[in-house]
Amino acid sequence: MSPPHLRIRRATTDDFQNLKALWDSRQLPADDLEKRLTEFQLVESTDGQFLGAIGIQIVRQHARLHSEAYTDADIADQARELFWERIRMIAANHGVFRLWTQHDSPAWIFRGFQPATADTLARLPEEWKGLEGQWFTSQLKDEEALATLEKQLATFRESGKHDTAQTLSQARTFRTVIIVIFFAIGILALCAAGLLLLHYLSPSPMR
């Protein structure tokens, strides 16, 4: 039998009953997952038959793949291929640096997930450090290089602000000097005009 044609989409509240039945069958915490239903991407056949789901939780620059489950294990690898395309798109849209999961399927290892080392685990968000089990991770972007770039940009912005403030200060000083000069010229012009007026109004000497 050939595998069904699959499609994926984001879960809605209308999908809860299907999801709850799947979570219960896999002994996943349905009550807790219900509160985060919009984290889930669904896989279904083109005729609308529900076949599975995976959660994608995003915390700052990190994303966690969790609660992956299928109604039919035979479609899992095909579904993961579609999920992987969606995961990368979501990660790019949210500026995710690193992916995490506790699923050890060879399909995820094939897509770049590796067991997290002690150094890597130091990057794990605090929100997930209480979760039991082995972690696997995949780096999407060079975190160190991006952090350095952010610092350089911050320094550049601060330098730009300083230069702008200095330029504005110089402009204000220059404007003040110009105003003083024009004021002085105005006073001199008034004085000169006054002297000329006195000269013309004064009586001519008798000859």
C-alpha atoms as a PDB file:
ATOM      1  CA  MET A   1       0.000   0.000   0.000  1.00  0.00           C
ATOM      2  CA  SER A   2       1.472   3.357  -0.989  1.00  0.00           C
ATOM      3  CA  PRO A   3       1.818   5.999   1.736  1.00  0.00           C
ATOM      4  CA  PRO A   4      -0.895   8.689   1.852  1.00  0.00           C
ATOM      5  CA  HIS A   5      -0.286  12.178   0.568  1.00  0.00           C
ATOM      6  CA  LEU A   6       0.240  14.398   3.578  1.00  0.00           C
ATOM      7  CA  ARG A   7      -0.090  18.042   4.446  1.00  0.00           C
ATOM      8  CA  ILE A   8       0.625  20.017   7.589  1.00  0.00           C
ATOM      9  CA  ARG A   9      -1.046  22.983   9.240  1.00  0.00           C
ATOM     10  CA  ARG A  10      -1.219  24.776  12.549  1.00  0.00           C
ATOM     11  CA  ALA A  11      -3.575  23.343  15.162  1.00  0.00           C
ATOM     12  CA  THR A  12      -6.800  25.127  16.094  1.00  0.00           C
ATOM     13  CA  THR A  13      -9.221  24.619  18.955  1.00  0.00           C
ATOM     14  CA  ASP A  14     -11.312  22.421  16.633  1.00  0.00           C
ATOM     15  CA  ASP A  15      -8.459  19.885  16.687  1.00  0.00           C
ATOM     16  CA  PHE A  16      -8.420  19.436  20.453  1.00  0.00           C
ATOM     17  CA  GLN A  17     -10.430  16.219  20.615  1.00  0.00           C
ATOM     18  CA  ASN A  18      -8.162  14.480  18.083  1.00  0.00           C
ATOM     19  CA  LEU A  19      -5.095  15.790  19.861  1.00  0.00           C
ATOM     20  CA  LYS A  20      -6.351  14.782  23.294  1.00  0.00           C
ATOM     21  CA  ALA A  21      -7.056  11.235  22.118  1.00  0.00           C
ATOM     22  CA  LEU A  22      -3.547  11.035  20.669  1.00  0.00           C
ATOM     23  CA  TRP A  23      -1.905  12.505  23.796  1.00  0.00           C
ATOM     24  CA  ASP A  24      -3.829  10.160  26.062  1.00  0.00           C
ATOM     25  CA  SER A  25      -2.796   7.159  23.962  1.00  0.00           C
ATOM     26  CA  ARG A  26       0.867   8.187  24.328  1.00  0.00           C
ATOM     27  CA  GLN A  27       0.491   9.087  28.025  1.00  0.00           C
ATOM     28  CA  LEU A  28       1.302  12.737  27.398  1.00  0.00           C
ATOM     29  CA  PRO A  29      -0.029  15.437  29.786  1.00  0.00           C
ATOM     30  CA  ALA A  30      -3.134  16.426  27.825  1.00  0.00           C
ATOM     31  CA  ASP A  31      -4.329  19.003  30.389  1.00  0.00           C
ATOM     32  CA  ASP A  32      -1.025  20.871  30.240  1.00  0.00           C
ATOM     33  CA  LEU A  33      -0.683  20.596  26.467  1.00  0.00           C
ATOM     34  CA  GLU A  34      -4.205  21.892  25.913  1.00  0.00           C
ATOM     35  CA  LYS A  35      -3.067  25.271  27.295  1.00  0.00           C
ATOM     36  CA  ARG A  36      -0.360  25.400  24.607  1.00  0.00           C
ATOM     37  CA  LEU A  37      -2.446  24.025  21.753  1.00  0.00           C
ATOM     38  CA  THR A  38      -1.359  26.757  19.314  1.00  0.00           C
ATOM     39  CA  GLU A  39       2.264  25.520  19.578  1.00  0.00           C
ATOM     40  CA  PHE A  40       1.283  22.397  17.633  1.00  0.00           C
ATOM     41  CA  GLN A  41       1.629  21.621  13.967  1.00  0.00           C
ATOM     42  CA  LEU A  42      -0.604  18.838  12.640  1.00  0.00           C
ATOM     43  CA  VAL A  43      -0.093  16.315   9.887  1.00  0.00           C
ATOM     44  CA  GLU A  44      -3.119  14.980   8.063  1.00  0.00           C
ATOM     45  CA  SER A  45      -3.982  13.242   4.837  1.00  0.00           C
ATOM     46  CA  THR A  46      -5.188  15.345   1.940  1.00  0.00           C
ATOM     47  CA  ASP A  47      -8.733  14.144   2.652  1.00  0.00           C
ATOM     48  CA  GLY A  48      -8.503  15.611   6.187  1.00  0.00           C
ATOM     49  CA  GLN A  49      -7.717  12.510   8.255  1.00  0.00           C
ATOM     50  CA  PHE A  50      -5.787  13.442  11.416  1.00  0.00           C
ATOM     51  CA  LEU A  51      -2.490  11.534  11.589  1.00  0.00           C
ATOM     52  CA  GLY A  52      -0.234  13.205  14.129  1.00  0.00           C
ATOM     53  CA  ALA A  53       1.276  16.338  15.629  1.00  0.00           C
ATOM     54  CA  ILE A  54       4.396  17.945  17.029  1.00  0.00           C
ATOM     55  CA  GLY A  55       4.792  20.884  19.404  1.00  0.00           C
ATOM     56  CA  ILE A  56       7.169  23.784  18.708  1.00  0.00           C
ATOM     57  CA  GLN A  57       7.760  25.938  21.789  1.00  0.00           C
ATOM     58  CA  ILE A  58       9.795  29.116  21.320  1.00  0.00           C
ATOM     59  CA  VAL A  59      11.638  30.857  24.154  1.00  0.00           C
ATOM     60  CA  ARG A  60      13.667  33.858  23.024  1.00  0.00           C
ATOM     61  CA  GLN A  61      16.212  32.541  20.451  1.00  0.00           C
ATOM     62  CA  HIS A  62      15.514  28.880  21.214  1.00  0.00           C
ATOM     63  CA  ALA A  63      12.860  26.445  19.964  1.00  0.00           C
ATOM     64  CA  ARG A  64      11.929  23.084  21.498  1.00  0.00           C
ATOM     65  CA  LEU A  65      10.346  20.222  19.553  1.00  0.00           C
ATOM     66  CA  HIS A  66       8.127  18.261  21.910  1.00  0.00           C
ATOM     67  CA  SER A  67       5.189  15.875  22.289  1.00  0.00           C
ATOM     68  CA  GLU A  68       5.663  14.326  18.846  1.00  0.00           C
ATOM     69  CA  ALA A  69       3.116  11.550  18.230  1.00  0.00           C
ATOM     70  CA  TYR A  70       1.400   9.778  15.339  1.00  0.00           C
ATOM     71  CA  THR A  71      -1.681   7.632  14.925  1.00  0.00           C
ATOM     72  CA  ASP A  72       0.239   5.502  12.404  1.00  0.00           C
ATOM     73  CA  ALA A  73       3.978   4.961  12.868  1.00  0.00           C
ATOM     74  CA  ASP A  74       4.353   4.143   9.171  1.00  0.00           C
ATOM     75  CA  ILE A  75       3.852   7.772   8.168  1.00  0.00           C
ATOM     76  CA  ALA A  76       6.229   9.214  10.815  1.00  0.00           C
ATOM     77  CA  ASP A  77       9.283   9.666   8.597  1.00  0.00           C
ATOM     78  CA  GLN A  78       7.246  11.202   5.797  1.00  0.00           C
ATOM     79  CA  ALA A  79       5.576  13.541   8.277  1.00  0.00           C
ATOM     80  CA  ARG A  80       8.911  14.552   9.814  1.00  0.00           C
ATOM     81  CA  GLU A  81      10.186  15.631   6.420  1.00  0.00           C
ATOM     82  CA  LEU A  82       7.242  18.032   6.095  1.00  0.00           C
ATOM     83  CA  PHE A  83       7.511  19.120   9.722  1.00  0.00           C
ATOM     84  CA  TRP A  84      11.202  19.891   9.245  1.00  0.00           C
ATOM     85  CA  GLU A  85      10.436  22.344   6.439  1.00  0.00           C
ATOM     86  CA  ARG A  86       7.852  24.071   8.635  1.00  0.00           C
ATOM     87  CA  ILE A  87      10.152  24.082  11.667  1.00  0.00           C
ATOM     88  CA  ARG A  88      12.925  25.816   9.723  1.00  0.00           C
ATOM     89  CA  MET A  89      10.483  28.415   8.409  1.00  0.00           C
ATOM     90  CA  ILE A  90       9.108  29.131  11.892  1.00  0.00           C
ATOM     91  CA  ALA A  91      12.646  29.306  13.303  1.00  0.00           C
ATOM     92  CA  ALA A  92      13.695  31.793  10.619  1.00  0.00           C
ATOM     93  CA  ASN A  93      10.623  33.964  11.225  1.00  0.00           C
ATOM     94  CA  HIS A  94      11.292  34.093  14.981  1.00  0.00           C
ATOM     95  CA  GLY A  95      15.075  34.561  14.807  1.00  0.00           C
ATOM     96  CA  VAL A  96      15.778  31.206  16.462  1.00  0.00           C
ATOM     97  CA  PHE A  97      19.474  30.380  16.949  1.00  0.00           C
ATOM     98  CA  ARG A  98      19.171  26.833  18.267  1.00  0.00           C
ATOM     99  CA  LEU A  99      16.718  23.923  18.252  1.00  0.00           C
ATOM    100  CA  TRP A 100      16.261  21.492  21.133  1.00  0.00           C
ATOM    101  CA  THR A 101      14.410  18.216  21.551  1.00  0.00           C
ATOM    102  CA  GLN A 102      14.259  15.159  23.776  1.00  0.00           C
ATOM    103  CA  HIS A 103      13.092  12.960  20.915  1.00  0.00           C
ATOM    104  CA  ASP A 104      15.885  10.617  19.866  1.00  0.00           C
ATOM    105  CA  SER A 105      14.442   9.440  16.555  1.00  0.00           C
ATOM    106  CA  PRO A 106      17.143   8.729  13.911  1.00  0.00           C
ATOM    107  CA  ALA A 107      15.162  11.039  11.630  1.00  0.00           C
ATOM    108  CA  TRP A 108      16.025  14.029  13.848  1.00  0.00           C
ATOM    109  CA  ILE A 109      19.650  12.918  14.208  1.00  0.00           C
ATOM    110  CA  PHE A 110      19.798  12.746  10.417  1.00  0.00           C
ATOM    111  CA  ARG A 111      18.618  16.364  10.296  1.00  0.00           C
ATOM    112  CA  GLY A 112      21.474  17.624  12.442  1.00  0.00           C
ATOM    113  CA  PHE A 113      20.446  17.034  16.049  1.00  0.00           C
ATOM    114  CA  GLN A 114      23.287  15.865  18.285  1.00  0.00           C
ATOM    115  CA  PRO A 115      23.441  14.951  21.984  1.00  0.00           C
ATOM    116  CA  ALA A 116      23.933  18.157  23.959  1.00  0.00           C
ATOM    117  CA  THR A 117      27.300  18.508  25.691  1.00  0.00           C
ATOM    118  CA  ALA A 118      27.762  20.075  29.107  1.00  0.00           C
ATOM    119  CA  ASP A 119      28.893  23.322  27.477  1.00  0.00           C
ATOM    120  CA  THR A 120      25.889  23.341  25.162  1.00  0.00           C
ATOM    121  CA  LEU A 121      23.463  22.571  27.989  1.00  0.00           C
ATOM    122  CA  ALA A 122      24.590  25.795  29.621  1.00  0.00           C
ATOM    123  CA  ARG A 123      22.703  27.553  26.816  1.00  0.00           C
ATOM    124  CA  LEU A 124      19.455  25.698  27.545  1.00  0.00           C
ATOM    125  CA  PRO A 125      16.756  28.204  28.604  1.00  0.00           C
ATOM    126  CA  GLU A 126      15.949  28.182  32.310  1.00  0.00           C
ATOM    127  CA  GLU A 127      12.324  27.356  31.469  1.00  0.00           C
ATOM    128  CA  TRP A 128      13.347  23.887  30.242  1.00  0.00           C
ATOM    129  CA  LYS A 129      16.065  22.925  32.710  1.00  0.00           C
ATOM    130  CA  GLY A 130      13.575  21.149  34.944  1.00  0.00           C
ATOM    131  CA  LEU A 131      12.516  18.716  32.208  1.00  0.00           C
ATOM    132  CA  GLU A 132      13.894  15.221  32.690  1.00  0.00           C
ATOM    133  CA  GLY A 133      15.562  13.278  29.898  1.00  0.00           C
ATOM    134  CA  GLN A 134      18.435  13.572  27.453  1.00  0.00           C
ATOM    135  CA  TRP A 135      18.671  16.660  25.300  1.00  0.00           C
ATOM    136  CA  PHE A 136      19.542  16.818  21.626  1.00  0.00           C
ATOM    137  CA  THR A 137      20.292  20.101  19.927  1.00  0.00           C
ATOM    138  CA  SER A 138      20.890  21.614  16.499  1.00  0.00           C
ATOM    139  CA  GLN A 139      22.569  24.974  15.950  1.00  0.00           C
ATOM    140  CA  LEU A 140      20.933  27.034  13.207  1.00  0.00           C
ATOM    141  CA  LYS A 141      23.051  30.179  13.553  1.00  0.00           C
ATOM    142  CA  ASP A 142      26.446  30.992  15.023  1.00  0.00           C
ATOM    143  CA  GLU A 143      25.399  32.331  18.401  1.00  0.00           C
ATOM    144  CA  GLU A 144      28.837  33.674  19.326  1.00  0.00           C
ATOM    145  CA  ALA A 145      29.236  35.528  16.036  1.00  0.00           C
ATOM    146  CA  LEU A 146      25.741  36.997  16.323  1.00  0.00           C
ATOM    147  CA  ALA A 147      26.354  38.040  19.919  1.00  0.00           C
ATOM    148  CA  THR A 148      29.588  39.754  18.873  1.00  0.00           C
ATOM    149  CA  LEU A 149      27.793  41.458  15.996  1.00  0.00           C
ATOM    150  CA  GLU A 150      25.058  42.658  18.349  1.00  0.00           C
ATOM    151  CA  LYS A 151      27.677  44.145  20.678  1.00  0.00           C
ATOM    152  CA  GLN A 152      29.387  45.859  17.748  1.00  0.00           C
ATOM    153  CA  LEU A 153      26.074  47.256  16.542  1.00  0.00           C
ATOM    154  CA  ALA A 154      25.254  48.465  20.046  1.00  0.00           C
ATOM    155  CA  THR A 155      28.661  50.164  20.273  1.00  0.00           C
ATOM    156  CA  PHE A 156      28.143  51.700  16.841  1.00  0.00           C
ATOM    157  CA  ARG A 157      24.702  52.979  17.842  1.00  0.00           C
ATOM    158  CA  GLU A 158      26.091  54.483  21.047  1.00  0.00           C
ATOM    159  CA  SER A 159      28.932  56.069  19.084  1.00  0.00           C
ATOM    160  CA  GLY A 160      26.416  57.408  16.598  1.00  0.00           C
ATOM    161  CA  LYS A 161      24.334  58.871  19.413  1.00  0.00           C
ATOM    162  CA  HIS A 162      27.447  60.527  20.880  1.00  0.00           C
ATOM    163  CA  ASP A 163      28.467  61.934  17.486  1.00  0.00           C
ATOM    164  CA  THR A 164      24.948  63.178  16.872  1.00  0.00           C
ATOM    165  CA  ALA A 165      24.812  64.848  20.280  1.00  0.00           C
ATOM    166  CA  GLN A 166      28.204  66.433  19.675  1.00  0.00           C
ATOM    167  CA  THR A 167      27.136  67.656  16.241  1.00  0.00           C
ATOM    168  CA  LEU A 168      23.921  69.121  17.662  1.00  0.00           C
ATOM    169  CA  SER A 169      25.895  70.830  20.422  1.00  0.00           C
ATOM    170  CA  GLN A 170      28.298  72.326  17.888  1.00  0.00           C
ATOM    171  CA  ALA A 171      25.363  73.429  15.735  1.00  0.00           C
ATOM    172  CA  ARG A 172      23.710  75.133  18.686  1.00  0.00           C
ATOM    173  CA  THR A 173      26.982  76.877  19.581  1.00  0.00           C
ATOM    174  CA  PHE A 174      27.475  78.005  15.974  1.00  0.00           C
ATOM    175  CA  ARG A 175      23.891  79.287  15.832  1.00  0.00           C
ATOM    176  CA  THR A 176      24.424  81.231  19.061  1.00  0.00           C
ATOM    177  CA  VAL A 177      27.618  82.809  17.676  1.00  0.00           C
ATOM    178  CA  ILE A 178      25.858  83.768  14.437  1.00  0.00           C
ATOM    179  CA  ILE A 179      22.982  85.324  16.379  1.00  0.00           C
ATOM    180  CA  VAL A 180      25.422  87.337  18.536  1.00  0.00           C
ATOM    181  CA  ILE A 181      27.326  88.518  15.441  1.00  0.00           C
ATOM    182  CA  PHE A 182      24.142  89.585  13.661  1.00  0.00           C
ATOM    183  CA  PHE A 183      22.917  91.273  16.831  1.00  0.00           C
ATOM    184  CA  ALA A 184      26.198  93.179  17.130  1.00  0.00           C
ATOM    185  CA  ILE A 185      26.066  94.138  13.456  1.00  0.00           C
ATOM    186  CA  GLY A 186      22.500  95.315  13.974  1.00  0.00           C
ATOM    187  CA  ILE A 187      23.509  97.495  16.914  1.00  0.00           C
ATOM    188  CA  LEU A 188      26.434  98.974  14.930  1.00  0.00           C
ATOM    189  CA  ALA A 189      24.131  99.632  11.982  1.00  0.00           C
ATOM    190  CA  LEU A 190      21.648 101.392  14.260  1.00  0.00           C
ATOM    191  CA  CYS A 191      24.428 103.459  15.801  1.00  0.00           C
ATOM    192  CA  ALA A 192      25.734 104.420  12.360  1.00  0.00           C
ATOM    193  CA  ALA A 193      22.243 105.331  11.208  1.00  0.00           C
ATOM    194  CA  GLY A 194      21.738 107.415  14.321  1.00  0.00           C
ATOM    195  CA  LEU A 195      24.986 109.311  13.761  1.00  0.00           C
ATOM    196  CA  LEU A 196      24.089 109.983  10.147  1.00  0.00           C
ATOM    197  CA  LEU A 197      20.657 111.223  11.163  1.00  0.00           C
ATOM    198  CA  LEU A 198      22.161 113.559  13.770  1.00  0.00           C
ATOM    199  CA  HIS A 199      24.606 114.839  11.165  1.00  0.00           C
ATOM    200  CA  TYR A 200      21.874 115.693   8.712  1.00  0.00           C
ATOM    201  CA  LEU A 201      19.600 117.226  11.353  1.00  0.00           C
ATOM    202  CA  SER A 202      22.286 119.405  12.936  1.00  0.00           C
ATOM    203  CA  PRO A 203      22.219 123.109  11.673  1.00  0.00           C
ATOM    204  CA  SER A 204      24.852 124.122   9.144  1.00  0.00           C
ATOM    205  CA  PRO A 205      27.464 126.715  10.429  1.00  0.00           C
ATOM    206  CA  MET A 206      27.025 130.308   9.362  1.00  0.00           C
ATOM    207  CA  ARG A 207      29.297 131.450   6.622  1.00  0.00           C
END
